[in-house]
Amino acid sequence: VAAERRTTITPPVYYAAWSEPDIGVQTRLFGKVVLFSESLAEYGIWCEMLPAEARIRWDQALDELEQEGQSLAVRKRLLALREEFAKDRPLPKPLDGWIDVCGKSGERVAREP
């Protein structure tokens, strides 16, 4: 379309999105940084897309992880949630992979306050 024939009703809208990991929180919870860059953005979207009831259960599991460390009980809870979410809302791959090793030894991996 020739420039003289173009009309603009509204100016174009631009946006940017980025995510930066909270290294301290992830290290405290997971023992290392698991989510960053694209996987962290995916995780943020994943959390927002969870139904309220599922989000509450997920947050409770993370609270347990923070309080109890990587125990077998926390691992079982995370595995149950992963199974529940697998069909309709699978976890981001790095977090899914981390759950595979969380608490596997059966030892409680304590978290520093």
Protein backbone atom coordinates (compact mmCIF):
# COMPACT_ATOMS: atom_id res chain seq x y z
CA VAL A 1 0.00 0.00 0.00
CA ALA A 2 1.36 3.38 -0.97
CA ALA A 3 2.34 5.64 1.93
CA GLU A 4 -0.26 8.28 1.05
CA ARG A 5 -3.03 5.65 1.24
CA ARG A 6 -2.04 4.27 4.64
CA THR A 7 -4.04 5.34 7.64
CA THR A 8 -3.30 4.70 11.23
CA ILE A 9 -6.07 4.77 13.75
CA THR A 10 -3.81 4.08 16.71
CA PRO A 11 -0.07 3.97 17.05
CA PRO A 12 1.52 0.52 17.14
CA VAL A 13 1.98 -1.07 20.54
CA TYR A 14 5.30 -2.63 21.43
CA TYR A 15 6.20 -4.61 24.51
CA ALA A 16 9.06 -6.59 25.91
CA ALA A 17 9.18 -9.33 28.48
CA TRP A 18 12.11 -10.86 30.26
CA SER A 19 12.75 -12.83 33.38
CA GLU A 20 15.70 -13.03 35.72
CA PRO A 21 16.15 -15.87 38.18
CA ASP A 22 16.24 -15.23 41.91
CA ILE A 23 19.44 -17.19 42.47
CA GLY A 24 19.11 -17.18 46.27
CA VAL A 25 15.56 -18.55 46.28
CA GLN A 26 16.22 -21.21 43.67
CA THR A 27 19.42 -22.32 45.37
CA ARG A 28 17.62 -22.52 48.71
CA LEU A 29 14.76 -24.57 47.22
CA PHE A 30 16.43 -26.67 44.55
CA GLY A 31 20.09 -26.67 45.56
CA LYS A 32 20.95 -24.89 42.30
CA VAL A 33 19.42 -22.60 39.70
CA VAL A 34 16.99 -24.78 37.75
CA LEU A 35 14.87 -22.17 35.96
CA PHE A 36 16.37 -19.32 33.95
CA SER A 37 15.91 -17.57 30.64
CA GLU A 38 13.15 -19.15 28.57
CA SER A 39 12.35 -21.89 31.10
CA LEU A 40 11.83 -19.27 33.83
CA ALA A 41 9.46 -17.31 31.60
CA GLU A 42 7.66 -20.56 30.76
CA TYR A 43 7.39 -21.35 34.48
CA GLY A 44 5.87 -17.93 35.19
CA ILE A 45 3.26 -18.45 32.50
CA TRP A 46 2.66 -22.03 33.68
CA CYS A 47 1.99 -20.82 37.24
CA GLU A 48 -0.41 -18.14 36.02
CA MET A 49 -2.31 -20.69 33.94
CA LEU A 50 -2.90 -23.07 36.86
CA PRO A 51 -6.45 -23.10 38.21
CA ALA A 52 -6.63 -21.48 41.66
CA GLU A 53 -7.01 -24.80 43.51
CA ALA A 54 -4.04 -26.36 41.71
CA ARG A 55 -1.94 -23.23 42.27
CA ILE A 56 -2.62 -23.43 46.02
CA ARG A 57 -1.48 -27.09 46.09
CA TRP A 58 1.64 -26.24 44.07
CA ASP A 59 2.51 -23.33 46.38
CA GLN A 60 1.97 -25.58 49.43
CA ALA A 61 4.39 -28.13 47.95
CA LEU A 62 7.01 -25.40 47.47
CA ASP A 63 6.42 -24.23 51.04
CA GLU A 64 7.02 -27.81 52.24
CA LEU A 65 10.17 -27.97 50.14
CA GLU A 66 11.41 -24.76 51.75
CA GLN A 67 10.59 -25.92 55.27
CA GLU A 68 11.52 -29.61 55.08
CA GLY A 69 14.18 -29.69 52.39
CA GLN A 70 14.41 -32.38 49.75
CA SER A 71 12.89 -35.21 51.77
CA LEU A 72 11.19 -38.34 50.47
CA ALA A 73 7.82 -36.95 51.62
CA VAL A 74 8.31 -33.76 49.61
CA ARG A 75 9.47 -35.80 46.62
CA LYS A 76 6.30 -37.92 46.78
CA ARG A 77 4.12 -34.83 46.90
CA LEU A 78 5.93 -33.23 43.95
CA LEU A 79 5.72 -36.47 41.95
CA ALA A 80 1.97 -36.70 42.64
CA LEU A 81 1.45 -33.12 41.47
CA ARG A 82 3.57 -33.72 38.38
CA GLU A 83 1.44 -36.76 37.54
CA GLU A 84 -1.77 -34.79 38.12
CA PHE A 85 -0.59 -31.93 35.89
CA ALA A 86 1.03 -34.08 33.18
CA LYS A 87 -1.87 -34.30 30.76
CA ASP A 88 -3.22 -30.74 30.72
CA ARG A 89 -0.44 -28.62 32.18
CA PRO A 90 2.97 -30.35 32.23
CA LEU A 91 5.73 -28.71 34.22
CA PRO A 92 8.54 -26.89 32.42
CA LYS A 93 11.19 -29.48 31.47
CA PRO A 94 14.03 -28.29 33.76
CA LEU A 95 11.73 -28.38 36.79
CA ASP A 96 10.30 -31.72 35.71
CA GLY A 97 13.83 -33.12 35.47
CA TRP A 98 14.77 -31.72 38.87
CA ILE A 99 11.81 -33.50 40.48
CA ASP A 100 13.27 -36.78 39.21
CA VAL A 101 16.29 -36.36 41.49
CA CYS A 102 14.72 -34.48 44.42
CA GLY A 103 14.96 -36.53 47.61
CA LYS A 104 15.85 -39.68 45.69
CA SER A 105 18.47 -40.76 48.19
CA GLY A 106 15.88 -40.72 50.96
CA GLU A 107 18.02 -38.29 52.94
CA ARG A 108 16.66 -34.97 53.98
CA VAL A 109 18.66 -32.23 52.30
CA ALA A 110 18.32 -29.39 54.79
CA ARG A 111 17.77 -25.83 53.72
CA GLU A 112 19.53 -22.94 55.35
CA PRO A 113 17.23 -20.23 56.72
